[in-house]
Amino acid sequence: VQLVESGGGLVQAGGSLRVTCVASG
């Protein structure tokens, strides 16, 4: 079983981000 995250980064306060996890196995 593998889990891989993505979508992180640098944002200003008040901003938005979406992180995603993809599972396999």
PDBML (XML) file of the C-alpha atoms, coordinates in Angstrom:
<?xml version="1.0" encoding="UTF-8" ?>
<PDBx:datablock datablockName="MODEL"
   xmlns:PDBx="http://pdbml.pdb.org/schema/pdbx-v50.xsd"
   xmlns:xsi="http://www.w3.org/2001/XMLSchema-instance"
   xsi:schemaLocation="http://pdbml.pdb.org/schema/pdbx-v50.xsd pdbx-v50.xsd">
   <PDBx:atom_siteCategory>
      <PDBx:atom_site id="1">
         <PDBx:B_iso_or_equiv>0.00</PDBx:B_iso_or_equiv>
         <PDBx:Cartn_x>0.000</PDBx:Cartn_x>
         <PDBx:Cartn_y>0.000</PDBx:Cartn_y>
         <PDBx:Cartn_z>0.000</PDBx:Cartn_z>
         <PDBx:auth_asym_id>A</PDBx:auth_asym_id>
         <PDBx:auth_atom_id>CA</PDBx:auth_atom_id>
         <PDBx:auth_comp_id>VAL</PDBx:auth_comp_id>
         <PDBx:auth_seq_id>1</PDBx:auth_seq_id>
         <PDBx:group_PDB>ATOM</PDBx:group_PDB>
         <PDBx:label_alt_id xsi:nil="true" />
         <PDBx:label_asym_id>A</PDBx:label_asym_id>
         <PDBx:label_atom_id>CA</PDBx:label_atom_id>
         <PDBx:label_comp_id>VAL</PDBx:label_comp_id>
         <PDBx:label_entity_id>1</PDBx:label_entity_id>
         <PDBx:label_seq_id>1</PDBx:label_seq_id>
         <PDBx:occupancy>1.00</PDBx:occupancy>
         <PDBx:pdbx_PDB_model_num>1</PDBx:pdbx_PDB_model_num>
         <PDBx:type_symbol>C</PDBx:type_symbol>
      </PDBx:atom_site>
      <PDBx:atom_site id="2">
         <PDBx:B_iso_or_equiv>0.00</PDBx:B_iso_or_equiv>
         <PDBx:Cartn_x>1.401</PDBx:Cartn_x>
         <PDBx:Cartn_y>3.352</PDBx:Cartn_y>
         <PDBx:Cartn_z>-1.048</PDBx:Cartn_z>
         <PDBx:auth_asym_id>A</PDBx:auth_asym_id>
         <PDBx:auth_atom_id>CA</PDBx:auth_atom_id>
         <PDBx:auth_comp_id>GLN</PDBx:auth_comp_id>
         <PDBx:auth_seq_id>2</PDBx:auth_seq_id>
         <PDBx:group_PDB>ATOM</PDBx:group_PDB>
         <PDBx:label_alt_id xsi:nil="true" />
         <PDBx:label_asym_id>A</PDBx:label_asym_id>
         <PDBx:label_atom_id>CA</PDBx:label_atom_id>
         <PDBx:label_comp_id>GLN</PDBx:label_comp_id>
         <PDBx:label_entity_id>1</PDBx:label_entity_id>
         <PDBx:label_seq_id>2</PDBx:label_seq_id>
         <PDBx:occupancy>1.00</PDBx:occupancy>
         <PDBx:pdbx_PDB_model_num>1</PDBx:pdbx_PDB_model_num>
         <PDBx:type_symbol>C</PDBx:type_symbol>
      </PDBx:atom_site>
      <PDBx:atom_site id="3">
         <PDBx:B_iso_or_equiv>0.00</PDBx:B_iso_or_equiv>
         <PDBx:Cartn_x>0.160</PDBx:Cartn_x>
         <PDBx:Cartn_y>6.854</PDBx:Cartn_y>
         <PDBx:Cartn_z>-0.361</PDBx:Cartn_z>
         <PDBx:auth_asym_id>A</PDBx:auth_asym_id>
         <PDBx:auth_atom_id>CA</PDBx:auth_atom_id>
         <PDBx:auth_comp_id>LEU</PDBx:auth_comp_id>
         <PDBx:auth_seq_id>3</PDBx:auth_seq_id>
         <PDBx:group_PDB>ATOM</PDBx:group_PDB>
         <PDBx:label_alt_id xsi:nil="true" />
         <PDBx:label_asym_id>A</PDBx:label_asym_id>
         <PDBx:label_atom_id>CA</PDBx:label_atom_id>
         <PDBx:label_comp_id>LEU</PDBx:label_comp_id>
         <PDBx:label_entity_id>1</PDBx:label_entity_id>
         <PDBx:label_seq_id>3</PDBx:label_seq_id>
         <PDBx:occupancy>1.00</PDBx:occupancy>
         <PDBx:pdbx_PDB_model_num>1</PDBx:pdbx_PDB_model_num>
         <PDBx:type_symbol>C</PDBx:type_symbol>
      </PDBx:atom_site>
      <PDBx:atom_site id="4">
         <PDBx:B_iso_or_equiv>0.00</PDBx:B_iso_or_equiv>
         <PDBx:Cartn_x>1.554</PDBx:Cartn_x>
         <PDBx:Cartn_y>9.826</PDBx:Cartn_y>
         <PDBx:Cartn_z>-2.256</PDBx:Cartn_z>
         <PDBx:auth_asym_id>A</PDBx:auth_asym_id>
         <PDBx:auth_atom_id>CA</PDBx:auth_atom_id>
         <PDBx:auth_comp_id>VAL</PDBx:auth_comp_id>
         <PDBx:auth_seq_id>4</PDBx:auth_seq_id>
         <PDBx:group_PDB>ATOM</PDBx:group_PDB>
         <PDBx:label_alt_id xsi:nil="true" />
         <PDBx:label_asym_id>A</PDBx:label_asym_id>
         <PDBx:label_atom_id>CA</PDBx:label_atom_id>
         <PDBx:label_comp_id>VAL</PDBx:label_comp_id>
         <PDBx:label_entity_id>1</PDBx:label_entity_id>
         <PDBx:label_seq_id>4</PDBx:label_seq_id>
         <PDBx:occupancy>1.00</PDBx:occupancy>
         <PDBx:pdbx_PDB_model_num>1</PDBx:pdbx_PDB_model_num>
         <PDBx:type_symbol>C</PDBx:type_symbol>
      </PDBx:atom_site>
      <PDBx:atom_site id="5">
         <PDBx:B_iso_or_equiv>0.00</PDBx:B_iso_or_equiv>
         <PDBx:Cartn_x>0.726</PDBx:Cartn_x>
         <PDBx:Cartn_y>13.415</PDBx:Cartn_y>
         <PDBx:Cartn_z>-1.353</PDBx:Cartn_z>
         <PDBx:auth_asym_id>A</PDBx:auth_asym_id>
         <PDBx:auth_atom_id>CA</PDBx:auth_atom_id>
         <PDBx:auth_comp_id>GLU</PDBx:auth_comp_id>
         <PDBx:auth_seq_id>5</PDBx:auth_seq_id>
         <PDBx:group_PDB>ATOM</PDBx:group_PDB>
         <PDBx:label_alt_id xsi:nil="true" />
         <PDBx:label_asym_id>A</PDBx:label_asym_id>
         <PDBx:label_atom_id>CA</PDBx:label_atom_id>
         <PDBx:label_comp_id>GLU</PDBx:label_comp_id>
         <PDBx:label_entity_id>1</PDBx:label_entity_id>
         <PDBx:label_seq_id>5</PDBx:label_seq_id>
         <PDBx:occupancy>1.00</PDBx:occupancy>
         <PDBx:pdbx_PDB_model_num>1</PDBx:pdbx_PDB_model_num>
         <PDBx:type_symbol>C</PDBx:type_symbol>
      </PDBx:atom_site>
      <PDBx:atom_site id="6">
         <PDBx:B_iso_or_equiv>0.00</PDBx:B_iso_or_equiv>
         <PDBx:Cartn_x>0.974</PDBx:Cartn_x>
         <PDBx:Cartn_y>16.414</PDBx:Cartn_y>
         <PDBx:Cartn_z>-3.632</PDBx:Cartn_z>
         <PDBx:auth_asym_id>A</PDBx:auth_asym_id>
         <PDBx:auth_atom_id>CA</PDBx:auth_atom_id>
         <PDBx:auth_comp_id>SER</PDBx:auth_comp_id>
         <PDBx:auth_seq_id>6</PDBx:auth_seq_id>
         <PDBx:group_PDB>ATOM</PDBx:group_PDB>
         <PDBx:label_alt_id xsi:nil="true" />
         <PDBx:label_asym_id>A</PDBx:label_asym_id>
         <PDBx:label_atom_id>CA</PDBx:label_atom_id>
         <PDBx:label_comp_id>SER</PDBx:label_comp_id>
         <PDBx:label_entity_id>1</PDBx:label_entity_id>
         <PDBx:label_seq_id>6</PDBx:label_seq_id>
         <PDBx:occupancy>1.00</PDBx:occupancy>
         <PDBx:pdbx_PDB_model_num>1</PDBx:pdbx_PDB_model_num>
         <PDBx:type_symbol>C</PDBx:type_symbol>
      </PDBx:atom_site>
      <PDBx:atom_site id="7">
         <PDBx:B_iso_or_equiv>0.00</PDBx:B_iso_or_equiv>
         <PDBx:Cartn_x>-0.251</PDBx:Cartn_x>
         <PDBx:Cartn_y>19.982</PDBx:Cartn_y>
         <PDBx:Cartn_z>-3.905</PDBx:Cartn_z>
         <PDBx:auth_asym_id>A</PDBx:auth_asym_id>
         <PDBx:auth_atom_id>CA</PDBx:auth_atom_id>
         <PDBx:auth_comp_id>GLY</PDBx:auth_comp_id>
         <PDBx:auth_seq_id>7</PDBx:auth_seq_id>
         <PDBx:group_PDB>ATOM</PDBx:group_PDB>
         <PDBx:label_alt_id xsi:nil="true" />
         <PDBx:label_asym_id>A</PDBx:label_asym_id>
         <PDBx:label_atom_id>CA</PDBx:label_atom_id>
         <PDBx:label_comp_id>GLY</PDBx:label_comp_id>
         <PDBx:label_entity_id>1</PDBx:label_entity_id>
         <PDBx:label_seq_id>7</PDBx:label_seq_id>
         <PDBx:occupancy>1.00</PDBx:occupancy>
         <PDBx:pdbx_PDB_model_num>1</PDBx:pdbx_PDB_model_num>
         <PDBx:type_symbol>C</PDBx:type_symbol>
      </PDBx:atom_site>
      <PDBx:atom_site id="8">
         <PDBx:B_iso_or_equiv>0.00</PDBx:B_iso_or_equiv>
         <PDBx:Cartn_x>1.704</PDBx:Cartn_x>
         <PDBx:Cartn_y>21.658</PDBx:Cartn_y>
         <PDBx:Cartn_z>-1.140</PDBx:Cartn_z>
         <PDBx:auth_asym_id>A</PDBx:auth_asym_id>
         <PDBx:auth_atom_id>CA</PDBx:auth_atom_id>
         <PDBx:auth_comp_id>GLY</PDBx:auth_comp_id>
         <PDBx:auth_seq_id>8</PDBx:auth_seq_id>
         <PDBx:group_PDB>ATOM</PDBx:group_PDB>
         <PDBx:label_alt_id xsi:nil="true" />
         <PDBx:label_asym_id>A</PDBx:label_asym_id>
         <PDBx:label_atom_id>CA</PDBx:label_atom_id>
         <PDBx:label_comp_id>GLY</PDBx:label_comp_id>
         <PDBx:label_entity_id>1</PDBx:label_entity_id>
         <PDBx:label_seq_id>8</PDBx:label_seq_id>
         <PDBx:occupancy>1.00</PDBx:occupancy>
         <PDBx:pdbx_PDB_model_num>1</PDBx:pdbx_PDB_model_num>
         <PDBx:type_symbol>C</PDBx:type_symbol>
      </PDBx:atom_site>
      <PDBx:atom_site id="9">
         <PDBx:B_iso_or_equiv>0.00</PDBx:B_iso_or_equiv>
         <PDBx:Cartn_x>3.408</PDBx:Cartn_x>
         <PDBx:Cartn_y>24.971</PDBx:Cartn_y>
         <PDBx:Cartn_z>-1.625</PDBx:Cartn_z>
         <PDBx:auth_asym_id>A</PDBx:auth_asym_id>
         <PDBx:auth_atom_id>CA</PDBx:auth_atom_id>
         <PDBx:auth_comp_id>GLY</PDBx:auth_comp_id>
         <PDBx:auth_seq_id>9</PDBx:auth_seq_id>
         <PDBx:group_PDB>ATOM</PDBx:group_PDB>
         <PDBx:label_alt_id xsi:nil="true" />
         <PDBx:label_asym_id>A</PDBx:label_asym_id>
         <PDBx:label_atom_id>CA</PDBx:label_atom_id>
         <PDBx:label_comp_id>GLY</PDBx:label_comp_id>
         <PDBx:label_entity_id>1</PDBx:label_entity_id>
         <PDBx:label_seq_id>9</PDBx:label_seq_id>
         <PDBx:occupancy>1.00</PDBx:occupancy>
         <PDBx:pdbx_PDB_model_num>1</PDBx:pdbx_PDB_model_num>
         <PDBx:type_symbol>C</PDBx:type_symbol>
      </PDBx:atom_site>
      <PDBx:atom_site id="10">
         <PDBx:B_iso_or_equiv>0.00</PDBx:B_iso_or_equiv>
         <PDBx:Cartn_x>3.889</PDBx:Cartn_x>
         <PDBx:Cartn_y>28.517</PDBx:Cartn_y>
         <PDBx:Cartn_z>-0.411</PDBx:Cartn_z>
         <PDBx:auth_asym_id>A</PDBx:auth_asym_id>
         <PDBx:auth_atom_id>CA</PDBx:auth_atom_id>
         <PDBx:auth_comp_id>LEU</PDBx:auth_comp_id>
         <PDBx:auth_seq_id>10</PDBx:auth_seq_id>
         <PDBx:group_PDB>ATOM</PDBx:group_PDB>
         <PDBx:label_alt_id xsi:nil="true" />
         <PDBx:label_asym_id>A</PDBx:label_asym_id>
         <PDBx:label_atom_id>CA</PDBx:label_atom_id>
         <PDBx:label_comp_id>LEU</PDBx:label_comp_id>
         <PDBx:label_entity_id>1</PDBx:label_entity_id>
         <PDBx:label_seq_id>10</PDBx:label_seq_id>
         <PDBx:occupancy>1.00</PDBx:occupancy>
         <PDBx:pdbx_PDB_model_num>1</PDBx:pdbx_PDB_model_num>
         <PDBx:type_symbol>C</PDBx:type_symbol>
      </PDBx:atom_site>
      <PDBx:atom_site id="11">
         <PDBx:B_iso_or_equiv>0.00</PDBx:B_iso_or_equiv>
         <PDBx:Cartn_x>0.888</PDBx:Cartn_x>
         <PDBx:Cartn_y>30.794</PDBx:Cartn_y>
         <PDBx:Cartn_z>0.010</PDBx:Cartn_z>
         <PDBx:auth_asym_id>A</PDBx:auth_asym_id>
         <PDBx:auth_atom_id>CA</PDBx:auth_atom_id>
         <PDBx:auth_comp_id>VAL</PDBx:auth_comp_id>
         <PDBx:auth_seq_id>11</PDBx:auth_seq_id>
         <PDBx:group_PDB>ATOM</PDBx:group_PDB>
         <PDBx:label_alt_id xsi:nil="true" />
         <PDBx:label_asym_id>A</PDBx:label_asym_id>
         <PDBx:label_atom_id>CA</PDBx:label_atom_id>
         <PDBx:label_comp_id>VAL</PDBx:label_comp_id>
         <PDBx:label_entity_id>1</PDBx:label_entity_id>
         <PDBx:label_seq_id>11</PDBx:label_seq_id>
         <PDBx:occupancy>1.00</PDBx:occupancy>
         <PDBx:pdbx_PDB_model_num>1</PDBx:pdbx_PDB_model_num>
         <PDBx:type_symbol>C</PDBx:type_symbol>
      </PDBx:atom_site>
      <PDBx:atom_site id="12">
         <PDBx:B_iso_or_equiv>0.00</PDBx:B_iso_or_equiv>
         <PDBx:Cartn_x>0.081</PDBx:Cartn_x>
         <PDBx:Cartn_y>34.067</PDBx:Cartn_y>
         <PDBx:Cartn_z>1.698</PDBx:Cartn_z>
         <PDBx:auth_asym_id>A</PDBx:auth_asym_id>
         <PDBx:auth_atom_id>CA</PDBx:auth_atom_id>
         <PDBx:auth_comp_id>GLN</PDBx:auth_comp_id>
         <PDBx:auth_seq_id>12</PDBx:auth_seq_id>
         <PDBx:group_PDB>ATOM</PDBx:group_PDB>
         <PDBx:label_alt_id xsi:nil="true" />
         <PDBx:label_asym_id>A</PDBx:label_asym_id>
         <PDBx:label_atom_id>CA</PDBx:label_atom_id>
         <PDBx:label_comp_id>GLN</PDBx:label_comp_id>
         <PDBx:label_entity_id>1</PDBx:label_entity_id>
         <PDBx:label_seq_id>12</PDBx:label_seq_id>
         <PDBx:occupancy>1.00</PDBx:occupancy>
         <PDBx:pdbx_PDB_model_num>1</PDBx:pdbx_PDB_model_num>
         <PDBx:type_symbol>C</PDBx:type_symbol>
      </PDBx:atom_site>
      <PDBx:atom_site id="13">
         <PDBx:B_iso_or_equiv>0.00</PDBx:B_iso_or_equiv>
         <PDBx:Cartn_x>-2.099</PDBx:Cartn_x>
         <PDBx:Cartn_y>34.160</PDBx:Cartn_y>
         <PDBx:Cartn_z>4.779</PDBx:Cartn_z>
         <PDBx:auth_asym_id>A</PDBx:auth_asym_id>
         <PDBx:auth_atom_id>CA</PDBx:auth_atom_id>
         <PDBx:auth_comp_id>ALA</PDBx:auth_comp_id>
         <PDBx:auth_seq_id>13</PDBx:auth_seq_id>
         <PDBx:group_PDB>ATOM</PDBx:group_PDB>
         <PDBx:label_alt_id xsi:nil="true" />
         <PDBx:label_asym_id>A</PDBx:label_asym_id>
         <PDBx:label_atom_id>CA</PDBx:label_atom_id>
         <PDBx:label_comp_id>ALA</PDBx:label_comp_id>
         <PDBx:label_entity_id>1</PDBx:label_entity_id>
         <PDBx:label_seq_id>13</PDBx:label_seq_id>
         <PDBx:occupancy>1.00</PDBx:occupancy>
         <PDBx:pdbx_PDB_model_num>1</PDBx:pdbx_PDB_model_num>
         <PDBx:type_symbol>C</PDBx:type_symbol>
      </PDBx:atom_site>
      <PDBx:atom_site id="14">
         <PDBx:B_iso_or_equiv>0.00</PDBx:B_iso_or_equiv>
         <PDBx:Cartn_x>-5.728</PDBx:Cartn_x>
         <PDBx:Cartn_y>34.098</PDBx:Cartn_y>
         <PDBx:Cartn_z>3.732</PDBx:Cartn_z>
         <PDBx:auth_asym_id>A</PDBx:auth_asym_id>
         <PDBx:auth_atom_id>CA</PDBx:auth_atom_id>
         <PDBx:auth_comp_id>GLY</PDBx:auth_comp_id>
         <PDBx:auth_seq_id>14</PDBx:auth_seq_id>
         <PDBx:group_PDB>ATOM</PDBx:group_PDB>
         <PDBx:label_alt_id xsi:nil="true" />
         <PDBx:label_asym_id>A</PDBx:label_asym_id>
         <PDBx:label_atom_id>CA</PDBx:label_atom_id>
         <PDBx:label_comp_id>GLY</PDBx:label_comp_id>
         <PDBx:label_entity_id>1</PDBx:label_entity_id>
         <PDBx:label_seq_id>14</PDBx:label_seq_id>
         <PDBx:occupancy>1.00</PDBx:occupancy>
         <PDBx:pdbx_PDB_model_num>1</PDBx:pdbx_PDB_model_num>
         <PDBx:type_symbol>C</PDBx:type_symbol>
      </PDBx:atom_site>
      <PDBx:atom_site id="15">
         <PDBx:B_iso_or_equiv>0.00</PDBx:B_iso_or_equiv>
         <PDBx:Cartn_x>-4.975</PDBx:Cartn_x>
         <PDBx:Cartn_y>32.105</PDBx:Cartn_y>
         <PDBx:Cartn_z>0.619</PDBx:Cartn_z>
         <PDBx:auth_asym_id>A</PDBx:auth_asym_id>
         <PDBx:auth_atom_id>CA</PDBx:auth_atom_id>
         <PDBx:auth_comp_id>GLY</PDBx:auth_comp_id>
         <PDBx:auth_seq_id>15</PDBx:auth_seq_id>
         <PDBx:group_PDB>ATOM</PDBx:group_PDB>
         <PDBx:label_alt_id xsi:nil="true" />
         <PDBx:label_asym_id>A</PDBx:label_asym_id>
         <PDBx:label_atom_id>CA</PDBx:label_atom_id>
         <PDBx:label_comp_id>GLY</PDBx:label_comp_id>
         <PDBx:label_entity_id>1</PDBx:label_entity_id>
         <PDBx:label_seq_id>15</PDBx:label_seq_id>
         <PDBx:occupancy>1.00</PDBx:occupancy>
         <PDBx:pdbx_PDB_model_num>1</PDBx:pdbx_PDB_model_num>
         <PDBx:type_symbol>C</PDBx:type_symbol>
      </PDBx:atom_site>
      <PDBx:atom_site id="16">
         <PDBx:B_iso_or_equiv>0.00</PDBx:B_iso_or_equiv>
         <PDBx:Cartn_x>-5.964</PDBx:Cartn_x>
         <PDBx:Cartn_y>28.592</PDBx:Cartn_y>
         <PDBx:Cartn_z>-0.358</PDBx:Cartn_z>
         <PDBx:auth_asym_id>A</PDBx:auth_asym_id>
         <PDBx:auth_atom_id>CA</PDBx:auth_atom_id>
         <PDBx:auth_comp_id>SER</PDBx:auth_comp_id>
         <PDBx:auth_seq_id>16</PDBx:auth_seq_id>
         <PDBx:group_PDB>ATOM</PDBx:group_PDB>
         <PDBx:label_alt_id xsi:nil="true" />
         <PDBx:label_asym_id>A</PDBx:label_asym_id>
         <PDBx:label_atom_id>CA</PDBx:label_atom_id>
         <PDBx:label_comp_id>SER</PDBx:label_comp_id>
         <PDBx:label_entity_id>1</PDBx:label_entity_id>
         <PDBx:label_seq_id>16</PDBx:label_seq_id>
         <PDBx:occupancy>1.00</PDBx:occupancy>
         <PDBx:pdbx_PDB_model_num>1</PDBx:pdbx_PDB_model_num>
         <PDBx:type_symbol>C</PDBx:type_symbol>
      </PDBx:atom_site>
      <PDBx:atom_site id="17">
         <PDBx:B_iso_or_equiv>0.00</PDBx:B_iso_or_equiv>
         <PDBx:Cartn_x>-4.340</PDBx:Cartn_x>
         <PDBx:Cartn_y>25.305</PDBx:Cartn_y>
         <PDBx:Cartn_z>-1.270</PDBx:Cartn_z>
         <PDBx:auth_asym_id>A</PDBx:auth_asym_id>
         <PDBx:auth_atom_id>CA</PDBx:auth_atom_id>
         <PDBx:auth_comp_id>LEU</PDBx:auth_comp_id>
         <PDBx:auth_seq_id>17</PDBx:auth_seq_id>
         <PDBx:group_PDB>ATOM</PDBx:group_PDB>
         <PDBx:label_alt_id xsi:nil="true" />
         <PDBx:label_asym_id>A</PDBx:label_asym_id>
         <PDBx:label_atom_id>CA</PDBx:label_atom_id>
         <PDBx:label_comp_id>LEU</PDBx:label_comp_id>
         <PDBx:label_entity_id>1</PDBx:label_entity_id>
         <PDBx:label_seq_id>17</PDBx:label_seq_id>
         <PDBx:occupancy>1.00</PDBx:occupancy>
         <PDBx:pdbx_PDB_model_num>1</PDBx:pdbx_PDB_model_num>
         <PDBx:type_symbol>C</PDBx:type_symbol>
      </PDBx:atom_site>
      <PDBx:atom_site id="18">
         <PDBx:B_iso_or_equiv>0.00</PDBx:B_iso_or_equiv>
         <PDBx:Cartn_x>-5.577</PDBx:Cartn_x>
         <PDBx:Cartn_y>21.831</PDBx:Cartn_y>
         <PDBx:Cartn_z>-2.026</PDBx:Cartn_z>
         <PDBx:auth_asym_id>A</PDBx:auth_asym_id>
         <PDBx:auth_atom_id>CA</PDBx:auth_atom_id>
         <PDBx:auth_comp_id>ARG</PDBx:auth_comp_id>
         <PDBx:auth_seq_id>18</PDBx:auth_seq_id>
         <PDBx:group_PDB>ATOM</PDBx:group_PDB>
         <PDBx:label_alt_id xsi:nil="true" />
         <PDBx:label_asym_id>A</PDBx:label_asym_id>
         <PDBx:label_atom_id>CA</PDBx:label_atom_id>
         <PDBx:label_comp_id>ARG</PDBx:label_comp_id>
         <PDBx:label_entity_id>1</PDBx:label_entity_id>
         <PDBx:label_seq_id>18</PDBx:label_seq_id>
         <PDBx:occupancy>1.00</PDBx:occupancy>
         <PDBx:pdbx_PDB_model_num>1</PDBx:pdbx_PDB_model_num>
         <PDBx:type_symbol>C</PDBx:type_symbol>
      </PDBx:atom_site>
      <PDBx:atom_site id="19">
         <PDBx:B_iso_or_equiv>0.00</PDBx:B_iso_or_equiv>
         <PDBx:Cartn_x>-3.453</PDBx:Cartn_x>
         <PDBx:Cartn_y>18.846</PDBx:Cartn_y>
         <PDBx:Cartn_z>-1.138</PDBx:Cartn_z>
         <PDBx:auth_asym_id>A</PDBx:auth_asym_id>
         <PDBx:auth_atom_id>CA</PDBx:auth_atom_id>
         <PDBx:auth_comp_id>VAL</PDBx:auth_comp_id>
         <PDBx:auth_seq_id>19</PDBx:auth_seq_id>
         <PDBx:group_PDB>ATOM</PDBx:group_PDB>
         <PDBx:label_alt_id xsi:nil="true" />
         <PDBx:label_asym_id>A</PDBx:label_asym_id>
         <PDBx:label_atom_id>CA</PDBx:label_atom_id>
         <PDBx:label_comp_id>VAL</PDBx:label_comp_id>
         <PDBx:label_entity_id>1</PDBx:label_entity_id>
         <PDBx:label_seq_id>19</PDBx:label_seq_id>
         <PDBx:occupancy>1.00</PDBx:occupancy>
         <PDBx:pdbx_PDB_model_num>1</PDBx:pdbx_PDB_model_num>
         <PDBx:type_symbol>C</PDBx:type_symbol>
      </PDBx:atom_site>
      <PDBx:atom_site id="20">
         <PDBx:B_iso_or_equiv>0.00</PDBx:B_iso_or_equiv>
         <PDBx:Cartn_x>-4.151</PDBx:Cartn_x>
         <PDBx:Cartn_y>15.486</PDBx:Cartn_y>
         <PDBx:Cartn_z>-2.714</PDBx:Cartn_z>
         <PDBx:auth_asym_id>A</PDBx:auth_asym_id>
         <PDBx:auth_atom_id>CA</PDBx:auth_atom_id>
         <PDBx:auth_comp_id>THR</PDBx:auth_comp_id>
         <PDBx:auth_seq_id>20</PDBx:auth_seq_id>
         <PDBx:group_PDB>ATOM</PDBx:group_PDB>
         <PDBx:label_alt_id xsi:nil="true" />
         <PDBx:label_asym_id>A</PDBx:label_asym_id>
         <PDBx:label_atom_id>CA</PDBx:label_atom_id>
         <PDBx:label_comp_id>THR</PDBx:label_comp_id>
         <PDBx:label_entity_id>1</PDBx:label_entity_id>
         <PDBx:label_seq_id>20</PDBx:label_seq_id>
         <PDBx:occupancy>1.00</PDBx:occupancy>
         <PDBx:pdbx_PDB_model_num>1</PDBx:pdbx_PDB_model_num>
         <PDBx:type_symbol>C</PDBx:type_symbol>
      </PDBx:atom_site>
      <PDBx:atom_site id="21">
         <PDBx:B_iso_or_equiv>0.00</PDBx:B_iso_or_equiv>
         <PDBx:Cartn_x>-3.349</PDBx:Cartn_x>
         <PDBx:Cartn_y>11.931</PDBx:Cartn_y>
         <PDBx:Cartn_z>-1.702</PDBx:Cartn_z>
         <PDBx:auth_asym_id>A</PDBx:auth_asym_id>
         <PDBx:auth_atom_id>CA</PDBx:auth_atom_id>
         <PDBx:auth_comp_id>CYS</PDBx:auth_comp_id>
         <PDBx:auth_seq_id>21</PDBx:auth_seq_id>
         <PDBx:group_PDB>ATOM</PDBx:group_PDB>
         <PDBx:label_alt_id xsi:nil="true" />
         <PDBx:label_asym_id>A</PDBx:label_asym_id>
         <PDBx:label_atom_id>CA</PDBx:label_atom_id>
         <PDBx:label_comp_id>CYS</PDBx:label_comp_id>
         <PDBx:label_entity_id>1</PDBx:label_entity_id>
         <PDBx:label_seq_id>21</PDBx:label_seq_id>
         <PDBx:occupancy>1.00</PDBx:occupancy>
         <PDBx:pdbx_PDB_model_num>1</PDBx:pdbx_PDB_model_num>
         <PDBx:type_symbol>C</PDBx:type_symbol>
      </PDBx:atom_site>
      <PDBx:atom_site id="22">
         <PDBx:B_iso_or_equiv>0.00</PDBx:B_iso_or_equiv>
         <PDBx:Cartn_x>-3.290</PDBx:Cartn_x>
         <PDBx:Cartn_y>9.125</PDBx:Cartn_y>
         <PDBx:Cartn_z>-4.245</PDBx:Cartn_z>
         <PDBx:auth_asym_id>A</PDBx:auth_asym_id>
         <PDBx:auth_atom_id>CA</PDBx:auth_atom_id>
         <PDBx:auth_comp_id>VAL</PDBx:auth_comp_id>
         <PDBx:auth_seq_id>22</PDBx:auth_seq_id>
         <PDBx:group_PDB>ATOM</PDBx:group_PDB>
         <PDBx:label_alt_id xsi:nil="true" />
         <PDBx:label_asym_id>A</PDBx:label_asym_id>
         <PDBx:label_atom_id>CA</PDBx:label_atom_id>
         <PDBx:label_comp_id>VAL</PDBx:label_comp_id>
         <PDBx:label_entity_id>1</PDBx:label_entity_id>
         <PDBx:label_seq_id>22</PDBx:label_seq_id>
         <PDBx:occupancy>1.00</PDBx:occupancy>
         <PDBx:pdbx_PDB_model_num>1</PDBx:pdbx_PDB_model_num>
         <PDBx:type_symbol>C</PDBx:type_symbol>
      </PDBx:atom_site>
      <PDBx:atom_site id="23">
         <PDBx:B_iso_or_equiv>0.00</PDBx:B_iso_or_equiv>
         <PDBx:Cartn_x>-3.459</PDBx:Cartn_x>
         <PDBx:Cartn_y>5.562</PDBx:Cartn_y>
         <PDBx:Cartn_z>-2.964</PDBx:Cartn_z>
         <PDBx:auth_asym_id>A</PDBx:auth_asym_id>
         <PDBx:auth_atom_id>CA</PDBx:auth_atom_id>
         <PDBx:auth_comp_id>ALA</PDBx:auth_comp_id>
         <PDBx:auth_seq_id>23</PDBx:auth_seq_id>
         <PDBx:group_PDB>ATOM</PDBx:group_PDB>
         <PDBx:label_alt_id xsi:nil="true" />
         <PDBx:label_asym_id>A</PDBx:label_asym_id>
         <PDBx:label_atom_id>CA</PDBx:label_atom_id>
         <PDBx:label_comp_id>ALA</PDBx:label_comp_id>
         <PDBx:label_entity_id>1</PDBx:label_entity_id>
         <PDBx:label_seq_id>23</PDBx:label_seq_id>
         <PDBx:occupancy>1.00</PDBx:occupancy>
         <PDBx:pdbx_PDB_model_num>1</PDBx:pdbx_PDB_model_num>
         <PDBx:type_symbol>C</PDBx:type_symbol>
      </PDBx:atom_site>
      <PDBx:atom_site id="24">
         <PDBx:B_iso_or_equiv>0.00</PDBx:B_iso_or_equiv>
         <PDBx:Cartn_x>-2.284</PDBx:Cartn_x>
         <PDBx:Cartn_y>2.408</PDBx:Cartn_y>
         <PDBx:Cartn_z>-4.681</PDBx:Cartn_z>
         <PDBx:auth_asym_id>A</PDBx:auth_asym_id>
         <PDBx:auth_atom_id>CA</PDBx:auth_atom_id>
         <PDBx:auth_comp_id>SER</PDBx:auth_comp_id>
         <PDBx:auth_seq_id>24</PDBx:auth_seq_id>
         <PDBx:group_PDB>ATOM</PDBx:group_PDB>
         <PDBx:label_alt_id xsi:nil="true" />
         <PDBx:label_asym_id>A</PDBx:label_asym_id>
         <PDBx:label_atom_id>CA</PDBx:label_atom_id>
         <PDBx:label_comp_id>SER</PDBx:label_comp_id>
         <PDBx:label_entity_id>1</PDBx:label_entity_id>
         <PDBx:label_seq_id>24</PDBx:label_seq_id>
         <PDBx:occupancy>1.00</PDBx:occupancy>
         <PDBx:pdbx_PDB_model_num>1</PDBx:pdbx_PDB_model_num>
         <PDBx:type_symbol>C</PDBx:type_symbol>
      </PDBx:atom_site>
      <PDBx:atom_site id="25">
         <PDBx:B_iso_or_equiv>0.00</PDBx:B_iso_or_equiv>
         <PDBx:Cartn_x>-1.727</PDBx:Cartn_x>
         <PDBx:Cartn_y>-1.233</PDBx:Cartn_y>
         <PDBx:Cartn_z>-3.828</PDBx:Cartn_z>
         <PDBx:auth_asym_id>A</PDBx:auth_asym_id>
         <PDBx:auth_atom_id>CA</PDBx:auth_atom_id>
         <PDBx:auth_comp_id>GLY</PDBx:auth_comp_id>
         <PDBx:auth_seq_id>25</PDBx:auth_seq_id>
         <PDBx:group_PDB>ATOM</PDBx:group_PDB>
         <PDBx:label_alt_id xsi:nil="true" />
         <PDBx:label_asym_id>A</PDBx:label_asym_id>
         <PDBx:label_atom_id>CA</PDBx:label_atom_id>
         <PDBx:label_comp_id>GLY</PDBx:label_comp_id>
         <PDBx:label_entity_id>1</PDBx:label_entity_id>
         <PDBx:label_seq_id>25</PDBx:label_seq_id>
         <PDBx:occupancy>1.00</PDBx:occupancy>
         <PDBx:pdbx_PDB_model_num>1</PDBx:pdbx_PDB_model_num>
         <PDBx:type_symbol>C</PDBx:type_symbol>
      </PDBx:atom_site>
   </PDBx:atom_siteCategory>
</PDBx:datablock>
